Amino acid sequence: MEEQGYRNGYATFWNANILTELSDGTIDVWCVDTFGPRTPQSPDLYRWLQLRSHDHALPTGRTFLVWTTQEYDLYAKEDFAYLGELLYQDDDFVVFDVN
């Protein structure tokens, strides 16, 4: 993600903090409860175990969304018009651009 110019993203609880740590803090990931009918412009933030600044400011610039394949299979039934380009997919994760 860093090589592609992404510095901000969204992920659900079990992945958000791990992604920030794995990047040594160069990628900042907002922890969301779920996206459901919400969009990255109005996410349902999980207000626990993440930076307090995330309560007041949403990501700027190129932003990604990471789902596990299980989450994607569950949420893919919805119409997520905000999902842009598929950036990465393997057996474990699906990553989209959400700009």
PDB file of N, CA and C in Angstrom:
ATOM      1  N   MET A   1       0.830  -1.181   0.000  1.00  0.00           N
ATOM      2  CA  MET A   1       0.000   0.000   0.000  1.00  0.00           C
ATOM      3  C   MET A   1       0.877   1.248   0.000  1.00  0.00           C
ATOM      4  N   GLU A   2       1.944   1.205   0.765  1.00  0.00           N
ATOM      5  CA  GLU A   2       2.835   2.360   0.821  1.00  0.00           C
ATOM      6  C   GLU A   2       3.417   2.671  -0.552  1.00  0.00           C
ATOM      7  N   GLU A   3       3.832   1.626  -1.272  1.00  0.00           N
ATOM      8  CA  GLU A   3       4.426   1.818  -2.598  1.00  0.00           C
ATOM      9  C   GLU A   3       3.434   2.410  -3.585  1.00  0.00           C
ATOM     10  N   GLN A   4       2.151   2.188  -3.350  1.00  0.00           N
ATOM     11  CA  GLN A   4       1.097   2.718  -4.220  1.00  0.00           C
ATOM     12  C   GLN A   4       0.662   4.123  -3.818  1.00  0.00           C
ATOM     13  N   GLY A   5       1.248   4.667  -2.748  1.00  0.00           N
ATOM     14  CA  GLY A   5       0.924   6.021  -2.315  1.00  0.00           C
ATOM     15  C   GLY A   5      -0.209   6.129  -1.314  1.00  0.00           C
ATOM     16  N   TYR A   6      -0.617   5.019  -0.735  1.00  0.00           N
ATOM     17  CA  TYR A   6      -1.682   5.039   0.262  1.00  0.00           C
ATOM     18  C   TYR A   6      -1.078   5.233   1.649  1.00  0.00           C
ATOM     19  N   ARG A   7      -1.640   6.175   2.396  1.00  0.00           N
ATOM     20  CA  ARG A   7      -1.185   6.423   3.764  1.00  0.00           C
ATOM     21  C   ARG A   7      -2.316   6.290   4.772  1.00  0.00           C
ATOM     22  N   ASN A   8      -3.552   6.148   4.275  1.00  0.00           N
ATOM     23  CA  ASN A   8      -4.729   6.055   5.132  1.00  0.00           C
ATOM     24  C   ASN A   8      -5.659   4.963   4.636  1.00  0.00           C
ATOM     25  N   GLY A   9      -6.333   4.319   5.596  1.00  0.00           N
ATOM     26  CA  GLY A   9      -7.269   3.285   5.203  1.00  0.00           C
ATOM     27  C   GLY A   9      -8.292   3.006   6.281  1.00  0.00           C
ATOM     28  N   TYR A  10      -9.188   2.092   5.946  1.00  0.00           N
ATOM     29  CA  TYR A  10     -10.210   1.607   6.857  1.00  0.00           C
ATOM     30  C   TYR A  10     -10.082   0.091   6.943  1.00  0.00           C
ATOM     31  N   ALA A  11     -10.352  -0.439   8.118  1.00  0.00           N
ATOM     32  CA  ALA A  11     -10.416  -1.886   8.305  1.00  0.00           C
ATOM     33  C   ALA A  11     -11.274  -2.150   9.533  1.00  0.00           C
ATOM     34  N   THR A  12     -11.755  -3.355   9.653  1.00  0.00           N
ATOM     35  CA  THR A  12     -12.505  -3.724  10.836  1.00  0.00           C
ATOM     36  C   THR A  12     -11.536  -4.012  11.979  1.00  0.00           C
ATOM     37  N   PHE A  13     -12.071  -4.160  13.159  1.00  0.00           N
ATOM     38  CA  PHE A  13     -11.300  -4.186  14.400  1.00  0.00           C
ATOM     39  C   PHE A  13     -10.064  -5.083  14.361  1.00  0.00           C
ATOM     40  N   TRP A  14     -10.207  -6.309  13.940  1.00  0.00           N
ATOM     41  CA  TRP A  14      -9.098  -7.256  14.051  1.00  0.00           C
ATOM     42  C   TRP A  14      -7.958  -6.962  13.088  1.00  0.00           C
ATOM     43  N   ASN A  15      -8.142  -6.058  12.160  1.00  0.00           N
ATOM     44  CA  ASN A  15      -7.084  -5.757  11.191  1.00  0.00           C
ATOM     45  C   ASN A  15      -6.547  -4.333  11.264  1.00  0.00           C
ATOM     46  N   ALA A  16      -7.317  -3.402  11.758  1.00  0.00           N
ATOM     47  CA  ALA A  16      -6.926  -1.983  11.699  1.00  0.00           C
ATOM     48  C   ALA A  16      -5.608  -1.701  12.414  1.00  0.00           C
ATOM     49  N   ASN A  17      -5.522  -2.020  13.679  1.00  0.00           N
ATOM     50  CA  ASN A  17      -4.313  -1.719  14.438  1.00  0.00           C
ATOM     51  C   ASN A  17      -3.123  -2.535  13.959  1.00  0.00           C
ATOM     52  N   ILE A  18      -3.364  -3.752  13.541  1.00  0.00           N
ATOM     53  CA  ILE A  18      -2.273  -4.594  13.036  1.00  0.00           C
ATOM     54  C   ILE A  18      -1.653  -3.974  11.788  1.00  0.00           C
ATOM     55  N   LEU A  19      -2.488  -3.457  10.891  1.00  0.00           N
ATOM     56  CA  LEU A  19      -1.966  -2.848   9.669  1.00  0.00           C
ATOM     57  C   LEU A  19      -1.127  -1.609   9.976  1.00  0.00           C
ATOM     58  N   THR A  20      -1.560  -0.821  10.948  1.00  0.00           N
ATOM     59  CA  THR A  20      -0.776   0.344  11.346  1.00  0.00           C
ATOM     60  C   THR A  20       0.559  -0.098  11.932  1.00  0.00           C
ATOM     61  N   GLU A  21       0.537  -1.088  12.786  1.00  0.00           N
ATOM     62  CA  GLU A  21       1.778  -1.580  13.397  1.00  0.00           C
ATOM     63  C   GLU A  21       2.714  -2.204  12.366  1.00  0.00           C
ATOM     64  N   LEU A  22       2.182  -3.004  11.463  1.00  0.00           N
ATOM     65  CA  LEU A  22       3.027  -3.655  10.450  1.00  0.00           C
ATOM     66  C   LEU A  22       3.719  -2.647   9.540  1.00  0.00           C
ATOM     67  N   SER A  23       3.128  -1.471   9.396  1.00  0.00           N
ATOM     68  CA  SER A  23       3.734  -0.434   8.550  1.00  0.00           C
ATOM     69  C   SER A  23       4.596   0.523   9.379  1.00  0.00           C
ATOM     70  N   ASP A  24       4.854   0.187  10.628  1.00  0.00           N
ATOM     71  CA  ASP A  24       5.597   1.065  11.541  1.00  0.00           C
ATOM     72  C   ASP A  24       4.972   2.456  11.627  1.00  0.00           C
ATOM     73  N   GLY A  25       3.670   2.515  11.519  1.00  0.00           N
ATOM     74  CA  GLY A  25       2.948   3.766  11.664  1.00  0.00           C
ATOM     75  C   GLY A  25       2.887   4.644  10.427  1.00  0.00           C
ATOM     76  N   THR A  26       3.462   4.197   9.312  1.00  0.00           N
ATOM     77  CA  THR A  26       3.404   5.025   8.107  1.00  0.00           C
ATOM     78  C   THR A  26       2.034   4.975   7.446  1.00  0.00           C
ATOM     79  N   ILE A  27       1.260   3.943   7.750  1.00  0.00           N
ATOM     80  CA  ILE A  27      -0.120   3.854   7.280  1.00  0.00           C
ATOM     81  C   ILE A  27      -1.024   3.971   8.496  1.00  0.00           C
ATOM     82  N   ASP A  28      -1.972   4.877   8.436  1.00  0.00           N
ATOM     83  CA  ASP A  28      -2.911   5.107   9.524  1.00  0.00           C
ATOM     84  C   ASP A  28      -4.241   4.485   9.129  1.00  0.00           C
ATOM     85  N   VAL A  29      -4.730   3.566   9.962  1.00  0.00           N
ATOM     86  CA  VAL A  29      -5.946   2.837   9.616  1.00  0.00           C
ATOM     87  C   VAL A  29      -7.037   3.134  10.642  1.00  0.00           C
ATOM     88  N   TRP A  30      -8.175   3.611  10.147  1.00  0.00           N
ATOM     89  CA  TRP A  30      -9.347   3.878  10.969  1.00  0.00           C
ATOM     90  C   TRP A  30     -10.073   2.564  11.188  1.00  0.00           C
ATOM     91  N   CYS A  31     -10.394   2.296  12.430  1.00  0.00           N
ATOM     92  CA  CYS A  31     -11.101   1.072  12.776  1.00  0.00           C
ATOM     93  C   CYS A  31     -12.597   1.333  12.670  1.00  0.00           C
ATOM     94  N   VAL A  32     -13.262   0.550  11.847  1.00  0.00           N
ATOM     95  CA  VAL A  32     -14.705   0.693  11.678  1.00  0.00           C
ATOM     96  C   VAL A  32     -15.407  -0.534  12.231  1.00  0.00           C
ATOM     97  N   ASP A  33     -16.620  -0.311  12.703  1.00  0.00           N
ATOM     98  CA  ASP A  33     -17.411  -1.427  13.194  1.00  0.00           C
ATOM     99  C   ASP A  33     -17.820  -2.274  11.998  1.00  0.00           C
ATOM    100  N   THR A  34     -18.609  -1.694  11.131  1.00  0.00           N
ATOM    101  CA  THR A  34     -18.940  -2.301   9.835  1.00  0.00           C
ATOM    102  C   THR A  34     -19.228  -1.149   8.893  1.00  0.00           C
ATOM    103  N   PHE A  35     -19.289  -1.426   7.639  1.00  0.00           N
ATOM    104  CA  PHE A  35     -19.687  -0.381   6.708  1.00  0.00           C
ATOM    105  C   PHE A  35     -21.174  -0.441   6.441  1.00  0.00           C
ATOM    106  N   GLY A  36     -21.719  -1.620   6.294  1.00  0.00           N
ATOM    107  CA  GLY A  36     -23.146  -1.717   6.053  1.00  0.00           C
ATOM    108  C   GLY A  36     -23.600  -0.675   5.052  1.00  0.00           C
ATOM    109  N   PRO A  37     -24.669   0.073   5.359  1.00  0.00           N
ATOM    110  CA  PRO A  37     -25.145   1.084   4.416  1.00  0.00           C
ATOM    111  C   PRO A  37     -24.319   2.359   4.438  1.00  0.00           C
ATOM    112  N   ARG A  38     -23.385   2.455   5.363  1.00  0.00           N
ATOM    113  CA  ARG A  38     -22.586   3.669   5.464  1.00  0.00           C
ATOM    114  C   ARG A  38     -21.506   3.695   4.388  1.00  0.00           C
ATOM    115  N   THR A  39     -20.868   4.838   4.274  1.00  0.00           N
ATOM    116  CA  THR A  39     -19.812   5.012   3.281  1.00  0.00           C
ATOM    117  C   THR A  39     -18.549   5.487   3.982  1.00  0.00           C
ATOM    118  N   PRO A  40     -17.414   5.494   3.294  1.00  0.00           N
ATOM    119  CA  PRO A  40     -16.204   6.033   3.910  1.00  0.00           C
ATOM    120  C   PRO A  40     -16.330   7.508   4.288  1.00  0.00           C
ATOM    121  N   GLN A  41     -17.281   8.219   3.712  1.00  0.00           N
ATOM    122  CA  GLN A  41     -17.498   9.604   4.103  1.00  0.00           C
ATOM    123  C   GLN A  41     -18.314   9.683   5.392  1.00  0.00           C
ATOM    124  N   SER A  42     -18.935   8.585   5.779  1.00  0.00           N
ATOM    125  CA  SER A  42     -19.734   8.530   6.995  1.00  0.00           C
ATOM    126  C   SER A  42     -19.626   7.133   7.609  1.00  0.00           C
ATOM    127  N   PRO A  43     -18.426   6.728   8.022  1.00  0.00           N
ATOM    128  CA  PRO A  43     -18.259   5.362   8.531  1.00  0.00           C
ATOM    129  C   PRO A  43     -18.825   5.202   9.938  1.00  0.00           C
ATOM    130  N   ASP A  44     -19.106   3.983  10.289  1.00  0.00           N
ATOM    131  CA  ASP A  44     -19.525   3.641  11.640  1.00  0.00           C
ATOM    132  C   ASP A  44     -18.248   3.284  12.399  1.00  0.00           C
ATOM    133  N   LEU A  45     -17.584   4.295  12.980  1.00  0.00           N
ATOM    134  CA  LEU A  45     -16.299   4.089  13.640  1.00  0.00           C
ATOM    135  C   LEU A  45     -16.454   3.261  14.909  1.00  0.00           C
ATOM    136  N   TYR A  46     -15.491   2.429  15.129  1.00  0.00           N
ATOM    137  CA  TYR A  46     -15.392   1.645  16.348  1.00  0.00           C
ATOM    138  C   TYR A  46     -14.536   2.472  17.292  1.00  0.00           C
ATOM    139  N   ARG A  47     -15.103   3.108  18.265  1.00  0.00           N
ATOM    140  CA  ARG A  47     -14.416   4.107  19.090  1.00  0.00           C
ATOM    141  C   ARG A  47     -13.664   3.492  20.267  1.00  0.00           C
ATOM    142  N   TRP A  48     -12.925   2.471  19.972  1.00  0.00           N
ATOM    143  CA  TRP A  48     -12.159   1.816  21.019  1.00  0.00           C
ATOM    144  C   TRP A  48     -10.847   1.344  20.421  1.00  0.00           C
ATOM    145  N   LEU A  49      -9.772   1.531  21.128  1.00  0.00           N
ATOM    146  CA  LEU A  49      -8.445   1.088  20.715  1.00  0.00           C
ATOM    147  C   LEU A  49      -8.000   1.666  19.372  1.00  0.00           C
ATOM    148  N   GLN A  50      -8.231   2.945  19.191  1.00  0.00           N
ATOM    149  CA  GLN A  50      -7.665   3.646  18.054  1.00  0.00           C
ATOM    150  C   GLN A  50      -7.408   5.097  18.460  1.00  0.00           C
ATOM    151  N   LEU A  51      -6.697   5.806  17.620  1.00  0.00           N
ATOM    152  CA  LEU A  51      -6.348   7.179  17.939  1.00  0.00           C
ATOM    153  C   LEU A  51      -7.601   8.020  18.158  1.00  0.00           C
ATOM    154  N   ARG A  52      -7.564   8.879  19.179  1.00  0.00           N
ATOM    155  CA  ARG A  52      -8.708   9.745  19.448  1.00  0.00           C
ATOM    156  C   ARG A  52      -8.937  10.732  18.314  1.00  0.00           C
ATOM    157  N   SER A  53      -7.888  11.068  17.595  1.00  0.00           N
ATOM    158  CA  SER A  53      -8.045  11.984  16.458  1.00  0.00           C
ATOM    159  C   SER A  53      -8.961  11.403  15.386  1.00  0.00           C
ATOM    160  N   HIS A  54      -9.112  10.098  15.354  1.00  0.00           N
ATOM    161  CA  HIS A  54     -10.002   9.470  14.379  1.00  0.00           C
ATOM    162  C   HIS A  54     -11.464   9.822  14.643  1.00  0.00           C
ATOM    163  N   ASP A  55     -11.769  10.250  15.873  1.00  0.00           N
ATOM    164  CA  ASP A  55     -13.132  10.683  16.195  1.00  0.00           C
ATOM    165  C   ASP A  55     -13.498  11.979  15.477  1.00  0.00           C
ATOM    166  N   HIS A  56     -12.485  12.777  15.118  1.00  0.00           N
ATOM    167  CA  HIS A  56     -12.735  14.119  14.609  1.00  0.00           C
ATOM    168  C   HIS A  56     -12.299  14.339  13.173  1.00  0.00           C
ATOM    169  N   ALA A  57     -11.504  13.440  12.628  1.00  0.00           N
ATOM    170  CA  ALA A  57     -10.994  13.646  11.271  1.00  0.00           C
ATOM    171  C   ALA A  57     -10.994  12.331  10.509  1.00  0.00           C
ATOM    172  N   LEU A  58     -11.551  12.373   9.325  1.00  0.00           N
ATOM    173  CA  LEU A  58     -11.531  11.199   8.460  1.00  0.00           C
ATOM    174  C   LEU A  58     -10.279  11.229   7.590  1.00  0.00           C
ATOM    175  N   PRO A  59      -9.931  10.111   6.996  1.00  0.00           N
ATOM    176  CA  PRO A  59      -8.738  10.071   6.147  1.00  0.00           C
ATOM    177  C   PRO A  59      -8.820  11.057   4.991  1.00  0.00           C
ATOM    178  N   THR A  60      -7.664  11.549   4.586  1.00  0.00           N
ATOM    179  CA  THR A  60      -7.572  12.396   3.404  1.00  0.00           C
ATOM    180  C   THR A  60      -6.631  11.732   2.424  1.00  0.00           C
ATOM    181  N   GLY A  61      -6.705  12.146   1.187  1.00  0.00           N
ATOM    182  CA  GLY A  61      -5.844  11.568   0.157  1.00  0.00           C
ATOM    183  C   GLY A  61      -6.317  10.184  -0.254  1.00  0.00           C
ATOM    184  N   ARG A  62      -5.447   9.463  -0.905  1.00  0.00           N
ATOM    185  CA  ARG A  62      -5.792   8.113  -1.360  1.00  0.00           C
ATOM    186  C   ARG A  62      -6.072   7.230  -0.153  1.00  0.00           C
ATOM    187  N   THR A  63      -7.221   6.602  -0.162  1.00  0.00           N
ATOM    188  CA  THR A  63      -7.680   5.819   0.986  1.00  0.00           C
ATOM    189  C   THR A  63      -8.122   4.442   0.520  1.00  0.00           C
ATOM    190  N   PHE A  64      -7.774   3.433   1.305  1.00  0.00           N
ATOM    191  CA  PHE A  64      -8.145   2.057   0.984  1.00  0.00           C
ATOM    192  C   PHE A  64      -9.084   1.499   2.037  1.00  0.00           C
ATOM    193  N   LEU A  65      -9.733   0.409   1.689  1.00  0.00           N
ATOM    194  CA  LEU A  65     -10.567  -0.349   2.603  1.00  0.00           C
ATOM    195  C   LEU A  65     -10.110  -1.794   2.532  1.00  0.00           C
ATOM    196  N   VAL A  66      -9.833  -2.394   3.686  1.00  0.00           N
ATOM    197  CA  VAL A  66      -9.401  -3.795   3.754  1.00  0.00           C
ATOM    198  C   VAL A  66     -10.495  -4.606   4.415  1.00  0.00           C
ATOM    199  N   TRP A  67     -10.870  -5.674   3.771  1.00  0.00           N
ATOM    200  CA  TRP A  67     -11.768  -6.655   4.356  1.00  0.00           C
ATOM    201  C   TRP A  67     -11.081  -8.010   4.328  1.00  0.00           C
ATOM    202  N   THR A  68     -11.389  -8.852   5.286  1.00  0.00           N
ATOM    203  CA  THR A  68     -11.013 -10.250   5.140  1.00  0.00           C
ATOM    204  C   THR A  68     -11.924 -10.820   4.059  1.00  0.00           C
ATOM    205  N   THR A  69     -11.554 -11.926   3.489  1.00  0.00           N
ATOM    206  CA  THR A  69     -12.423 -12.517   2.461  1.00  0.00           C
ATOM    207  C   THR A  69     -13.782 -12.896   3.051  1.00  0.00           C
ATOM    208  N   GLN A  70     -13.793 -13.285   4.330  1.00  0.00           N
ATOM    209  CA  GLN A  70     -15.065 -13.623   4.976  1.00  0.00           C
ATOM    210  C   GLN A  70     -15.945 -12.386   5.113  1.00  0.00           C
ATOM    211  N   GLU A  71     -15.347 -11.252   5.508  1.00  0.00           N
ATOM    212  CA  GLU A  71     -16.111 -10.009   5.606  1.00  0.00           C
ATOM    213  C   GLU A  71     -16.617  -9.597   4.230  1.00  0.00           C
ATOM    214  N   TYR A  72     -15.771  -9.695   3.236  1.00  0.00           N
ATOM    215  CA  TYR A  72     -16.169  -9.322   1.885  1.00  0.00           C
ATOM    216  C   TYR A  72     -17.328 -10.186   1.400  1.00  0.00           C
ATOM    217  N   ASP A  73     -17.248 -11.478   1.639  1.00  0.00           N
ATOM    218  CA  ASP A  73     -18.340 -12.367   1.239  1.00  0.00           C
ATOM    219  C   ASP A  73     -19.641 -11.978   1.933  1.00  0.00           C
ATOM    220  N   LEU A  74     -19.541 -11.565   3.187  1.00  0.00           N
ATOM    221  CA  LEU A  74     -20.723 -11.158   3.937  1.00  0.00           C
ATOM    222  C   LEU A  74     -21.268  -9.828   3.423  1.00  0.00           C
ATOM    223  N   TYR A  75     -20.393  -8.831   3.252  1.00  0.00           N
ATOM    224  CA  TYR A  75     -20.811  -7.489   2.863  1.00  0.00           C
ATOM    225  C   TYR A  75     -21.057  -7.335   1.369  1.00  0.00           C
ATOM    226  N   ALA A  76     -20.521  -8.211   0.557  1.00  0.00           N
ATOM    227  CA  ALA A  76     -20.635  -8.070  -0.898  1.00  0.00           C
ATOM    228  C   ALA A  76     -22.079  -8.168  -1.382  1.00  0.00           C
ATOM    229  N   LYS A  77     -22.952  -8.617  -0.528  1.00  0.00           N
ATOM    230  CA  LYS A  77     -24.361  -8.693  -0.902  1.00  0.00           C
ATOM    231  C   LYS A  77     -24.981  -7.306  -1.018  1.00  0.00           C
ATOM    232  N   GLU A  78     -24.338  -6.323  -0.394  1.00  0.00           N
ATOM    233  CA  GLU A  78     -24.799  -4.943  -0.430  1.00  0.00           C
ATOM    234  C   GLU A  78     -24.301  -4.268  -1.704  1.00  0.00           C
ATOM    235  N   ASP A  79     -24.880  -3.129  -2.023  1.00  0.00           N
ATOM    236  CA  ASP A  79     -24.420  -2.334  -3.154  1.00  0.00           C
ATOM    237  C   ASP A  79     -23.468  -1.264  -2.630  1.00  0.00           C
ATOM    238  N   PHE A  80     -22.177  -1.512  -2.752  1.00  0.00           N
ATOM    239  CA  PHE A  80     -21.184  -0.581  -2.259  1.00  0.00           C
ATOM    240  C   PHE A  80     -20.669   0.250  -3.420  1.00  0.00           C
ATOM    241  N   ALA A  81     -21.450   1.261  -3.799  1.00  0.00           N
ATOM    242  CA  ALA A  81     -21.107   2.098  -4.941  1.00  0.00           C
ATOM    243  C   ALA A  81     -19.806   2.857  -4.727  1.00  0.00           C
ATOM    244  N   TYR A  82     -19.404   3.055  -3.473  1.00  0.00           N
ATOM    245  CA  TYR A  82     -18.181   3.800  -3.199  1.00  0.00           C
ATOM    246  C   TYR A  82     -16.919   2.980  -3.437  1.00  0.00           C
ATOM    247  N   LEU A  83     -17.047   1.675  -3.579  1.00  0.00           N
ATOM    248  CA  LEU A  83     -15.855   0.870  -3.821  1.00  0.00           C
ATOM    249  C   LEU A  83     -15.318   1.161  -5.205  1.00  0.00           C
ATOM    250  N   GLY A  84     -14.090   1.545  -5.236  1.00  0.00           N
ATOM    251  CA  GLY A  84     -13.450   1.832  -6.512  1.00  0.00           C
ATOM    252  C   GLY A  84     -12.696   0.622  -7.012  1.00  0.00           C
ATOM    253  N   GLU A  85     -11.504   0.876  -7.436  1.00  0.00           N
ATOM    254  CA  GLU A  85     -10.657  -0.153  -8.027  1.00  0.00           C
ATOM    255  C   GLU A  85     -10.284  -1.225  -7.002  1.00  0.00           C
ATOM    256  N   LEU A  86     -10.355  -2.478  -7.421  1.00  0.00           N
ATOM    257  CA  LEU A  86      -9.851  -3.576  -6.614  1.00  0.00           C
ATOM    258  C   LEU A  86      -8.332  -3.500  -6.674  1.00  0.00           C
ATOM    259  N   LEU A  87      -7.691  -3.310  -5.525  1.00  0.00           N
ATOM    260  CA  LEU A  87      -6.243  -3.133  -5.481  1.00  0.00           C
ATOM    261  C   LEU A  87      -5.501  -4.432  -5.226  1.00  0.00           C
ATOM    262  N   TYR A  88      -6.121  -5.321  -4.460  1.00  0.00           N
ATOM    263  CA  TYR A  88      -5.433  -6.555  -4.065  1.00  0.00           C
ATOM    264  C   TYR A  88      -6.459  -7.568  -3.614  1.00  0.00           C
ATOM    265  N   GLN A  89      -6.198  -8.835  -3.920  1.00  0.00           N
ATOM    266  CA  GLN A  89      -7.067  -9.898  -3.438  1.00  0.00           C
ATOM    267  C   GLN A  89      -6.265 -11.184  -3.366  1.00  0.00           C
ATOM    268  N   ASP A  90      -6.403 -11.896  -2.260  1.00  0.00           N
ATOM    269  CA  ASP A  90      -5.838 -13.230  -2.137  1.00  0.00           C
ATOM    270  C   ASP A  90      -6.826 -14.074  -1.336  1.00  0.00           C
ATOM    271  N   ASP A  91      -6.399 -15.194  -0.815  1.00  0.00           N
ATOM    272  CA  ASP A  91      -7.312 -16.065  -0.082  1.00  0.00           C
ATOM    273  C   ASP A  91      -7.757 -15.486   1.253  1.00  0.00           C
ATOM    274  N   ASP A  92      -7.027 -14.482   1.749  1.00  0.00           N
ATOM    275  CA  ASP A  92      -7.313 -13.950   3.070  1.00  0.00           C
ATOM    276  C   ASP A  92      -7.901 -12.537   3.079  1.00  0.00           C
ATOM    277  N   PHE A  93      -7.501 -11.693   2.117  1.00  0.00           N
ATOM    278  CA  PHE A  93      -7.878 -10.285   2.153  1.00  0.00           C
ATOM    279  C   PHE A  93      -8.326  -9.758   0.782  1.00  0.00           C
ATOM    280  N   VAL A  94      -9.168  -8.714   0.850  1.00  0.00           N
ATOM    281  CA  VAL A  94      -9.597  -7.979  -0.325  1.00  0.00           C
ATOM    282  C   VAL A  94      -9.392  -6.507   0.012  1.00  0.00           C
ATOM    283  N   VAL A  95      -8.738  -5.771  -0.904  1.00  0.00           N
ATOM    284  CA  VAL A  95      -8.434  -4.357  -0.672  1.00  0.00           C
ATOM    285  C   VAL A  95      -8.963  -3.535  -1.834  1.00  0.00           C
ATOM    286  N   PHE A  96      -9.726  -2.493  -1.511  1.00  0.00           N
ATOM    287  CA  PHE A  96     -10.299  -1.592  -2.503  1.00  0.00           C
ATOM    288  C   PHE A  96      -9.827  -0.174  -2.282  1.00  0.00           C
ATOM    289  N   ASP A  97      -9.765   0.605  -3.354  1.00  0.00           N
ATOM    290  CA  ASP A  97      -9.619   2.049  -3.269  1.00  0.00           C
ATOM    291  C   ASP A  97     -11.012   2.605  -2.994  1.00  0.00           C
ATOM    292  N   VAL A  98     -11.125   3.581  -2.104  1.00  0.00           N
ATOM    293  CA  VAL A  98     -12.447   4.134  -1.781  1.00  0.00           C
ATOM    294  C   VAL A  98     -12.529   5.621  -2.042  1.00  0.00           C
ATOM    295  N   ASN A  99     -11.703   6.121  -2.951  1.00  0.00           N
ATOM    296  CA  ASN A  99     -11.768   7.546  -3.301  1.00  0.00           C
ATOM    297  C   ASN A  99     -12.727   7.793  -4.424  1.00  0.00           C
TER     298      ASN A  99
END
